[in-house]
Amino acid sequence: MSEAARVGRGTLRLDLSWVKGYLDLIVSGVSVEQLLRRSHDEIGGFHPIAFSQIFAFDREGHLTPKMTFGVPHESHFGVSLAKDELHPVTDCARTEDSLVIPSHSEYQRRYPTVQWGNGPSIFVPLRVGPLVDGVFAMVFIRDLSIDWSENLELQEAIYVIAQLAHLISHKGSLAREPGPAADPSMNLGLSDRQMVIAKMIAQGMTNRAIARELGFSEATIRYETIKLYERLRVKNRSHAAARIHQLGIG
């Protein structure tokens, strides 16, 4: 690591050369694994890292590991986290905000049933546009304690790395996805009725207007809308409309 990255009491300082180094990696076509290897080498020089992990929503709305670098606890391989499960990953996705845990003892206090990676950690929401579609986790070794308020640049560094890893991962997913002929209803498990309602929501129609147009009760449309929100992994109508447009449904 360059001397510019080291300062004072062994903290990480972001500078232009640090940021440029990561941008150069992106331009060179680096993989997510290569990006995380570099981040572990650089950040690990100050705070030893146990592992990093990227979670993404599956078709059922559960958060599942998409990429792991390092060695997490064996019980976490293949884990699938429901949205209401007590876990820092789901808390990060639900609040749509970064979550930091300073120590193993604090982790255990807040998440007593979680046996995976319960050392000092940071969890970063990953977005496509305004919508959270995953979470980046970096977990440090258990016997470490991190005062995150005194390590704001470490937080910023991890935030940058999380977004770059997500960018690389998302670009790879786009390259593997079928072309425009793919049917979004098949990917999301939407019924024909939900597809019609989704298009009407994207057009700005209210539940009452949709009910009148389709000849159903407003209660039925409200129920279908709630199910649609769950499928789209959104919280409100504006997010739903944005997601619908993003998927090319509306």
C-alpha atoms as a PDB file:
ATOM      1  CA  MET A   1       0.000   0.000   0.000  1.00  0.00           C
ATOM      2  CA  SER A   2       1.246   3.505  -0.735  1.00  0.00           C
ATOM      3  CA  GLU A   3       2.446   5.676   2.152  1.00  0.00           C
ATOM      4  CA  ALA A   4      -0.337   8.158   1.290  1.00  0.00           C
ATOM      5  CA  ALA A   5      -2.848   5.629   2.581  1.00  0.00           C
ATOM      6  CA  ARG A   6      -1.261   5.565   6.059  1.00  0.00           C
ATOM      7  CA  VAL A   7      -1.667   8.395   8.508  1.00  0.00           C
ATOM      8  CA  GLY A   8      -1.356   9.178  12.216  1.00  0.00           C
ATOM      9  CA  ARG A   9      -2.455   6.331  14.481  1.00  0.00           C
ATOM     10  CA  GLY A  10      -2.772   3.731  11.758  1.00  0.00           C
ATOM     11  CA  THR A  11      -6.027   4.910  10.212  1.00  0.00           C
ATOM     12  CA  LEU A  12      -7.011   4.685   6.582  1.00  0.00           C
ATOM     13  CA  ARG A  13      -7.005   7.910   4.606  1.00  0.00           C
ATOM     14  CA  LEU A  14      -8.778   8.200   1.292  1.00  0.00           C
ATOM     15  CA  ASP A  15      -6.932  10.219  -1.314  1.00  0.00           C
ATOM     16  CA  LEU A  16      -7.095  10.575  -5.075  1.00  0.00           C
ATOM     17  CA  SER A  17      -4.486   7.901  -5.704  1.00  0.00           C
ATOM     18  CA  TRP A  18      -6.439   5.420  -3.542  1.00  0.00           C
ATOM     19  CA  VAL A  19      -9.693   6.088  -5.370  1.00  0.00           C
ATOM     20  CA  LYS A  20      -7.976   6.113  -8.764  1.00  0.00           C
ATOM     21  CA  GLY A  21      -6.441   2.722  -8.040  1.00  0.00           C
ATOM     22  CA  TYR A  22      -9.888   1.189  -7.621  1.00  0.00           C
ATOM     23  CA  LEU A  23     -11.312   2.967 -10.652  1.00  0.00           C
ATOM     24  CA  ASP A  24      -8.401   1.622 -12.702  1.00  0.00           C
ATOM     25  CA  LEU A  25      -9.371  -1.869 -11.562  1.00  0.00           C
ATOM     26  CA  ILE A  26     -12.901  -1.358 -12.874  1.00  0.00           C
ATOM     27  CA  VAL A  27     -11.617  -0.134 -16.239  1.00  0.00           C
ATOM     28  CA  SER A  28      -9.321  -3.143 -16.516  1.00  0.00           C
ATOM     29  CA  GLY A  29     -12.267  -5.519 -16.197  1.00  0.00           C
ATOM     30  CA  VAL A  30     -11.455  -6.804 -12.717  1.00  0.00           C
ATOM     31  CA  SER A  31     -13.720  -9.440 -11.127  1.00  0.00           C
ATOM     32  CA  VAL A  32     -15.538  -8.952  -7.831  1.00  0.00           C
ATOM     33  CA  GLU A  33     -13.149 -11.450  -6.233  1.00  0.00           C
ATOM     34  CA  GLN A  34     -10.107  -9.471  -7.390  1.00  0.00           C
ATOM     35  CA  LEU A  35     -11.618  -6.234  -6.111  1.00  0.00           C
ATOM     36  CA  LEU A  36     -12.332  -7.750  -2.703  1.00  0.00           C
ATOM     37  CA  ARG A  37      -8.863  -9.315  -2.530  1.00  0.00           C
ATOM     38  CA  ARG A  38      -7.341  -5.855  -2.956  1.00  0.00           C
ATOM     39  CA  SER A  39      -9.656  -4.336  -0.348  1.00  0.00           C
ATOM     40  CA  HIS A  40      -8.799  -7.104   2.136  1.00  0.00           C
ATOM     41  CA  ASP A  41      -5.089  -6.523   1.553  1.00  0.00           C
ATOM     42  CA  GLU A  42      -5.352  -2.765   2.027  1.00  0.00           C
ATOM     43  CA  ILE A  43      -7.911  -2.461   4.823  1.00  0.00           C
ATOM     44  CA  GLY A  44      -6.638  -5.623   6.498  1.00  0.00           C
ATOM     45  CA  GLY A  45      -3.332  -3.865   7.063  1.00  0.00           C
ATOM     46  CA  PHE A  46      -5.139  -1.717   9.642  1.00  0.00           C
ATOM     47  CA  HIS A  47      -8.032  -3.929  10.753  1.00  0.00           C
ATOM     48  CA  PRO A  48      -7.820  -7.686  10.058  1.00  0.00           C
ATOM     49  CA  ILE A  49     -10.862  -8.842   8.038  1.00  0.00           C
ATOM     50  CA  ALA A  50     -12.582 -12.197   8.441  1.00  0.00           C
ATOM     51  CA  PHE A  51     -14.569 -12.040   5.197  1.00  0.00           C
ATOM     52  CA  SER A  52     -16.744  -9.941   2.875  1.00  0.00           C
ATOM     53  CA  GLN A  53     -20.058 -11.010   1.414  1.00  0.00           C
ATOM     54  CA  ILE A  54     -22.604  -9.696  -1.081  1.00  0.00           C
ATOM     55  CA  PHE A  55     -26.267 -10.582  -0.530  1.00  0.00           C
ATOM     56  CA  ALA A  56     -28.984 -10.287  -3.151  1.00  0.00           C
ATOM     57  CA  PHE A  57     -32.753 -10.811  -3.082  1.00  0.00           C
ATOM     58  CA  ASP A  58     -33.997 -14.028  -4.617  1.00  0.00           C
ATOM     59  CA  ARG A  59     -37.398 -14.504  -6.281  1.00  0.00           C
ATOM     60  CA  GLU A  60     -39.068 -15.190  -2.924  1.00  0.00           C
ATOM     61  CA  GLY A  61     -37.762 -11.928  -1.464  1.00  0.00           C
ATOM     62  CA  HIS A  62     -35.137 -13.633   0.718  1.00  0.00           C
ATOM     63  CA  LEU A  63     -31.578 -12.338   1.004  1.00  0.00           C
ATOM     64  CA  THR A  64     -29.052 -14.969  -0.051  1.00  0.00           C
ATOM     65  CA  PRO A  65     -25.242 -14.838  -0.466  1.00  0.00           C
ATOM     66  CA  LYS A  66     -24.240 -14.036  -4.021  1.00  0.00           C
ATOM     67  CA  MET A  67     -20.482 -13.704  -3.503  1.00  0.00           C
ATOM     68  CA  THR A  68     -18.169 -14.464  -0.582  1.00  0.00           C
ATOM     69  CA  PHE A  69     -14.507 -13.582  -0.180  1.00  0.00           C
ATOM     70  CA  GLY A  70     -12.777 -14.983   2.879  1.00  0.00           C
ATOM     71  CA  VAL A  71     -14.013 -17.726   5.167  1.00  0.00           C
ATOM     72  CA  PRO A  72     -17.300 -17.116   7.027  1.00  0.00           C
ATOM     73  CA  HIS A  73     -18.640 -19.461   9.690  1.00  0.00           C
ATOM     74  CA  GLU A  74     -19.643 -22.749   8.039  1.00  0.00           C
ATOM     75  CA  SER A  75     -23.255 -22.368   9.240  1.00  0.00           C
ATOM     76  CA  HIS A  76     -23.680 -19.377   6.934  1.00  0.00           C
ATOM     77  CA  PHE A  77     -23.031 -21.167   3.658  1.00  0.00           C
ATOM     78  CA  GLY A  78     -26.270 -21.339   1.678  1.00  0.00           C
ATOM     79  CA  VAL A  79     -28.192 -19.242   4.218  1.00  0.00           C
ATOM     80  CA  SER A  80     -31.460 -17.641   3.110  1.00  0.00           C
ATOM     81  CA  LEU A  81     -32.665 -14.713   5.212  1.00  0.00           C
ATOM     82  CA  ALA A  82     -36.360 -13.873   5.301  1.00  0.00           C
ATOM     83  CA  LYS A  83     -37.161 -10.155   5.395  1.00  0.00           C
ATOM     84  CA  ASP A  84     -38.519 -10.340   8.969  1.00  0.00           C
ATOM     85  CA  GLU A  85     -35.578 -12.367  10.341  1.00  0.00           C
ATOM     86  CA  LEU A  86     -33.513 -10.842  13.164  1.00  0.00           C
ATOM     87  CA  HIS A  87     -30.215 -10.320  11.368  1.00  0.00           C
ATOM     88  CA  PRO A  88     -27.994  -7.317  10.568  1.00  0.00           C
ATOM     89  CA  VAL A  89     -28.258  -8.012   6.826  1.00  0.00           C
ATOM     90  CA  THR A  90     -32.059  -7.831   6.877  1.00  0.00           C
ATOM     91  CA  ASP A  91     -31.976  -4.785   9.192  1.00  0.00           C
ATOM     92  CA  CYS A  92     -29.699  -3.002   6.710  1.00  0.00           C
ATOM     93  CA  ALA A  93     -32.014  -3.842   3.796  1.00  0.00           C
ATOM     94  CA  ARG A  94     -35.145  -2.868   5.720  1.00  0.00           C
ATOM     95  CA  THR A  95     -33.846   0.516   6.942  1.00  0.00           C
ATOM     96  CA  GLU A  96     -32.050   1.156   3.620  1.00  0.00           C
ATOM     97  CA  ASP A  97     -29.155   2.600   5.620  1.00  0.00           C
ATOM     98  CA  SER A  98     -25.653   1.486   6.576  1.00  0.00           C
ATOM     99  CA  LEU A  99     -25.316  -0.457   9.823  1.00  0.00           C
ATOM    100  CA  VAL A 100     -22.118  -0.660  11.887  1.00  0.00           C
ATOM    101  CA  ILE A 101     -21.374  -2.942  14.840  1.00  0.00           C
ATOM    102  CA  PRO A 102     -18.237  -2.121  16.879  1.00  0.00           C
ATOM    103  CA  SER A 103     -17.463  -5.409  18.640  1.00  0.00           C
ATOM    104  CA  HIS A 104     -18.242  -9.079  19.146  1.00  0.00           C
ATOM    105  CA  SER A 105     -20.012  -8.342  22.443  1.00  0.00           C
ATOM    106  CA  GLU A 106     -22.232  -5.695  20.826  1.00  0.00           C
ATOM    107  CA  TYR A 107     -23.019  -8.082  17.981  1.00  0.00           C
ATOM    108  CA  GLN A 108     -24.110 -10.763  20.448  1.00  0.00           C
ATOM    109  CA  ARG A 109     -26.192  -8.276  22.430  1.00  0.00           C
ATOM    110  CA  ARG A 110     -28.098  -7.084  19.358  1.00  0.00           C
ATOM    111  CA  TYR A 111     -28.294 -10.402  17.493  1.00  0.00           C
ATOM    112  CA  PRO A 112     -28.036 -13.169  20.125  1.00  0.00           C
ATOM    113  CA  THR A 113     -29.254 -15.929  17.792  1.00  0.00           C
ATOM    114  CA  VAL A 114     -26.842 -15.150  14.934  1.00  0.00           C
ATOM    115  CA  GLN A 115     -23.749 -17.328  15.068  1.00  0.00           C
ATOM    116  CA  TRP A 116     -22.347 -16.176  11.727  1.00  0.00           C
ATOM    117  CA  GLY A 117     -19.516 -13.657  11.518  1.00  0.00           C
ATOM    118  CA  ASN A 118     -20.337 -11.995  14.802  1.00  0.00           C
ATOM    119  CA  GLY A 119     -17.337  -9.711  15.037  1.00  0.00           C
ATOM    120  CA  PRO A 120     -17.180  -5.957  14.399  1.00  0.00           C
ATOM    121  CA  SER A 121     -18.962  -5.434  11.088  1.00  0.00           C
ATOM    122  CA  ILE A 122     -20.336  -2.990   8.569  1.00  0.00           C
ATOM    123  CA  PHE A 123     -23.363  -3.555   6.344  1.00  0.00           C
ATOM    124  CA  VAL A 124     -24.027  -1.345   3.308  1.00  0.00           C
ATOM    125  CA  PRO A 125     -27.277  -1.281   1.289  1.00  0.00           C
ATOM    126  CA  LEU A 126     -26.792  -1.832  -2.443  1.00  0.00           C
ATOM    127  CA  ARG A 127     -29.054   0.027  -4.849  1.00  0.00           C
ATOM    128  CA  VAL A 128     -30.148   0.005  -8.450  1.00  0.00           C
ATOM    129  CA  GLY A 129     -31.518   3.511  -8.820  1.00  0.00           C
ATOM    130  CA  PRO A 130     -33.603   4.310  -5.710  1.00  0.00           C
ATOM    131  CA  LEU A 131     -34.281   0.644  -4.899  1.00  0.00           C
ATOM    132  CA  VAL A 132     -32.253  -1.514  -2.515  1.00  0.00           C
ATOM    133  CA  ASP A 133     -31.604  -4.868  -4.165  1.00  0.00           C
ATOM    134  CA  GLY A 134     -28.918  -6.272  -1.884  1.00  0.00           C
ATOM    135  CA  VAL A 135     -26.481  -5.779   1.000  1.00  0.00           C
ATOM    136  CA  PHE A 136     -22.685  -5.728   1.236  1.00  0.00           C
ATOM    137  CA  ALA A 137     -21.188  -7.063   4.479  1.00  0.00           C
ATOM    138  CA  MET A 138     -17.608  -6.778   5.704  1.00  0.00           C
ATOM    139  CA  VAL A 139     -16.900  -8.682   8.914  1.00  0.00           C
ATOM    140  CA  PHE A 140     -13.709  -8.266  10.960  1.00  0.00           C
ATOM    141  CA  ILE A 141     -12.077 -10.795  13.284  1.00  0.00           C
ATOM    142  CA  ARG A 142     -13.855 -11.314  16.599  1.00  0.00           C
ATOM    143  CA  ASP A 143     -11.113 -10.163  18.987  1.00  0.00           C
ATOM    144  CA  LEU A 144     -11.010  -6.764  17.264  1.00  0.00           C
ATOM    145  CA  SER A 145     -12.963  -3.695  18.383  1.00  0.00           C
ATOM    146  CA  ILE A 146     -13.590  -0.778  16.020  1.00  0.00           C
ATOM    147  CA  ASP A 147     -14.724   2.665  17.175  1.00  0.00           C
ATOM    148  CA  TRP A 148     -16.572   3.542  13.984  1.00  0.00           C
ATOM    149  CA  SER A 149     -16.996   7.189  15.038  1.00  0.00           C
ATOM    150  CA  GLU A 150     -13.198   7.470  15.032  1.00  0.00           C
ATOM    151  CA  ASN A 151     -12.883   5.620  11.732  1.00  0.00           C
ATOM    152  CA  LEU A 152     -15.118   7.569   9.388  1.00  0.00           C
ATOM    153  CA  GLU A 153     -12.680   7.209   6.512  1.00  0.00           C
ATOM    154  CA  LEU A 154     -12.697   3.454   6.996  1.00  0.00           C
ATOM    155  CA  GLN A 155     -16.487   3.576   6.627  1.00  0.00           C
ATOM    156  CA  GLU A 156     -16.171   5.687   3.484  1.00  0.00           C
ATOM    157  CA  ALA A 157     -13.593   3.301   2.017  1.00  0.00           C
ATOM    158  CA  ILE A 158     -15.822   0.296   2.614  1.00  0.00           C
ATOM    159  CA  TYR A 159     -18.819   2.151   1.208  1.00  0.00           C
ATOM    160  CA  VAL A 160     -16.883   2.866  -2.014  1.00  0.00           C
ATOM    161  CA  ILE A 161     -15.711  -0.752  -2.244  1.00  0.00           C
ATOM    162  CA  ALA A 162     -19.269  -2.015  -1.688  1.00  0.00           C
ATOM    163  CA  GLN A 163     -20.661   0.117  -4.497  1.00  0.00           C
ATOM    164  CA  LEU A 164     -17.865  -0.851  -6.892  1.00  0.00           C
ATOM    165  CA  ALA A 165     -18.310  -4.549  -6.105  1.00  0.00           C
ATOM    166  CA  HIS A 166     -22.048  -4.162  -6.684  1.00  0.00           C
ATOM    167  CA  LEU A 167     -21.392  -2.390  -9.988  1.00  0.00           C
ATOM    168  CA  ILE A 168     -19.137  -5.185 -11.221  1.00  0.00           C
ATOM    169  CA  SER A 169     -21.557  -7.854 -10.027  1.00  0.00           C
ATOM    170  CA  HIS A 170     -24.546  -6.093 -11.606  1.00  0.00           C
ATOM    171  CA  LYS A 171     -22.764  -5.648 -14.927  1.00  0.00           C
ATOM    172  CA  GLY A 172     -22.010  -9.349 -14.936  1.00  0.00           C
ATOM    173  CA  SER A 173     -25.649 -10.173 -14.205  1.00  0.00           C
ATOM    174  CA  LEU A 174     -26.849  -7.964 -17.017  1.00  0.00           C
ATOM    175  CA  ALA A 175     -24.517  -9.726 -19.426  1.00  0.00           C
ATOM    176  CA  ARG A 176     -25.999 -13.089 -18.438  1.00  0.00           C
ATOM    177  CA  GLU A 177     -29.664 -12.062 -18.434  1.00  0.00           C
ATOM    178  CA  PRO A 178     -31.951 -12.813 -21.407  1.00  0.00           C
ATOM    179  CA  GLY A 179     -32.715  -9.989 -23.799  1.00  0.00           C
ATOM    180  CA  PRO A 180     -35.846  -7.830 -23.981  1.00  0.00           C
ATOM    181  CA  ALA A 181     -38.001 -10.807 -24.943  1.00  0.00           C
ATOM    182  CA  ALA A 182     -37.755 -12.149 -21.367  1.00  0.00           C
ATOM    183  CA  ASP A 183     -41.060 -12.032 -19.483  1.00  0.00           C
ATOM    184  CA  PRO A 184     -40.756 -10.107 -16.169  1.00  0.00           C
ATOM    185  CA  SER A 185     -43.815 -11.922 -14.805  1.00  0.00           C
ATOM    186  CA  MET A 186     -41.907 -15.219 -15.000  1.00  0.00           C
ATOM    187  CA  ASN A 187     -38.908 -13.792 -13.109  1.00  0.00           C
ATOM    188  CA  LEU A 188     -41.054 -12.248 -10.368  1.00  0.00           C
ATOM    189  CA  GLY A 189     -43.778 -14.868 -10.181  1.00  0.00           C
ATOM    190  CA  LEU A 190     -46.528 -12.341 -10.995  1.00  0.00           C
ATOM    191  CA  SER A 191     -50.025 -13.466 -11.902  1.00  0.00           C
ATOM    192  CA  ASP A 192     -51.748 -12.037 -14.986  1.00  0.00           C
ATOM    193  CA  ARG A 193     -53.891  -9.857 -12.723  1.00  0.00           C
ATOM    194  CA  GLN A 194     -50.836  -8.525 -10.874  1.00  0.00           C
ATOM    195  CA  MET A 195     -49.150  -7.719 -14.189  1.00  0.00           C
ATOM    196  CA  VAL A 196     -52.170  -5.657 -15.252  1.00  0.00           C
ATOM    197  CA  ILE A 197     -52.284  -3.887 -11.877  1.00  0.00           C
ATOM    198  CA  ALA A 198     -48.539  -3.227 -12.044  1.00  0.00           C
ATOM    199  CA  LYS A 199     -48.941  -1.485 -15.395  1.00  0.00           C
ATOM    200  CA  MET A 200     -51.765   0.647 -14.005  1.00  0.00           C
ATOM    201  CA  ILE A 201     -49.713   1.599 -10.948  1.00  0.00           C
ATOM    202  CA  ALA A 202     -46.889   2.658 -13.275  1.00  0.00           C
ATOM    203  CA  GLN A 203     -49.408   4.881 -15.066  1.00  0.00           C
ATOM    204  CA  GLY A 204     -50.191   6.619 -11.765  1.00  0.00           C
ATOM    205  CA  MET A 205     -53.654   5.112 -11.203  1.00  0.00           C
ATOM    206  CA  THR A 206     -55.041   4.794  -7.667  1.00  0.00           C
ATOM    207  CA  ASN A 207     -56.456   1.564  -6.218  1.00  0.00           C
ATOM    208  CA  ARG A 208     -59.960   3.002  -6.551  1.00  0.00           C
ATOM    209  CA  ALA A 209     -59.420   3.830 -10.210  1.00  0.00           C
ATOM    210  CA  ILE A 210     -57.917   0.404 -10.900  1.00  0.00           C
ATOM    211  CA  ALA A 211     -60.853  -1.311  -9.158  1.00  0.00           C
ATOM    212  CA  ARG A 212     -63.318   0.686 -11.237  1.00  0.00           C
ATOM    213  CA  GLU A 213     -61.440  -0.076 -14.456  1.00  0.00           C
ATOM    214  CA  LEU A 214     -61.117  -3.827 -13.825  1.00  0.00           C
ATOM    215  CA  GLY A 215     -64.490  -4.346 -12.173  1.00  0.00           C
ATOM    216  CA  PHE A 216     -63.122  -5.599  -8.843  1.00  0.00           C
ATOM    217  CA  SER A 217     -63.680  -4.326  -5.310  1.00  0.00           C
ATOM    218  CA  GLU A 218     -61.162  -1.839  -3.960  1.00  0.00           C
ATOM    219  CA  ALA A 219     -60.346  -4.341  -1.169  1.00  0.00           C
ATOM    220  CA  THR A 220     -59.345  -6.923  -3.793  1.00  0.00           C
ATOM    221  CA  ILE A 221     -57.071  -4.450  -5.558  1.00  0.00           C
ATOM    222  CA  ARG A 222     -55.574  -3.412  -2.225  1.00  0.00           C
ATOM    223  CA  TYR A 223     -54.791  -7.063  -1.431  1.00  0.00           C
ATOM    224  CA  GLU A 224     -53.226  -7.635  -4.854  1.00  0.00           C
ATOM    225  CA  THR A 225     -51.200  -4.434  -4.478  1.00  0.00           C
ATOM    226  CA  ILE A 226     -49.774  -5.630  -1.156  1.00  0.00           C
ATOM    227  CA  LYS A 227     -48.765  -8.934  -2.756  1.00  0.00           C
ATOM    228  CA  LEU A 228     -47.273  -7.022  -5.675  1.00  0.00           C
ATOM    229  CA  TYR A 229     -45.185  -4.885  -3.294  1.00  0.00           C
ATOM    230  CA  GLU A 230     -43.827  -8.078  -1.734  1.00  0.00           C
ATOM    231  CA  ARG A 231     -42.889  -9.490  -5.129  1.00  0.00           C
ATOM    232  CA  LEU A 232     -41.219  -6.240  -6.178  1.00  0.00           C
ATOM    233  CA  ARG A 233     -39.518  -5.842  -2.760  1.00  0.00           C
ATOM    234  CA  VAL A 234     -40.737  -2.274  -2.344  1.00  0.00           C
ATOM    235  CA  LYS A 235     -42.382  -0.363   0.492  1.00  0.00           C
ATOM    236  CA  ASN A 236     -44.652   2.154  -1.162  1.00  0.00           C
ATOM    237  CA  ARG A 237     -46.352   3.145  -4.410  1.00  0.00           C
ATOM    238  CA  SER A 238     -43.638   5.473  -5.684  1.00  0.00           C
ATOM    239  CA  HIS A 239     -40.994   2.769  -5.223  1.00  0.00           C
ATOM    240  CA  ALA A 240     -43.314   0.278  -6.902  1.00  0.00           C
ATOM    241  CA  ALA A 241     -43.794   2.553  -9.928  1.00  0.00           C
ATOM    242  CA  ALA A 242     -40.021   3.074 -10.212  1.00  0.00           C
ATOM    243  CA  ARG A 243     -39.379  -0.659  -9.996  1.00  0.00           C
ATOM    244  CA  ILE A 244     -42.077  -1.429 -12.565  1.00  0.00           C
ATOM    245  CA  HIS A 245     -40.595   1.045 -15.034  1.00  0.00           C
ATOM    246  CA  GLN A 246     -37.101  -0.353 -14.319  1.00  0.00           C
ATOM    247  CA  LEU A 247     -38.272  -3.862 -15.183  1.00  0.00           C
ATOM    248  CA  GLY A 248     -39.955  -2.663 -18.357  1.00  0.00           C
ATOM    249  CA  ILE A 249     -43.383  -3.849 -17.233  1.00  0.00           C
ATOM    250  CA  GLY A 250     -45.183  -0.504 -17.379  1.00  0.00           C
END
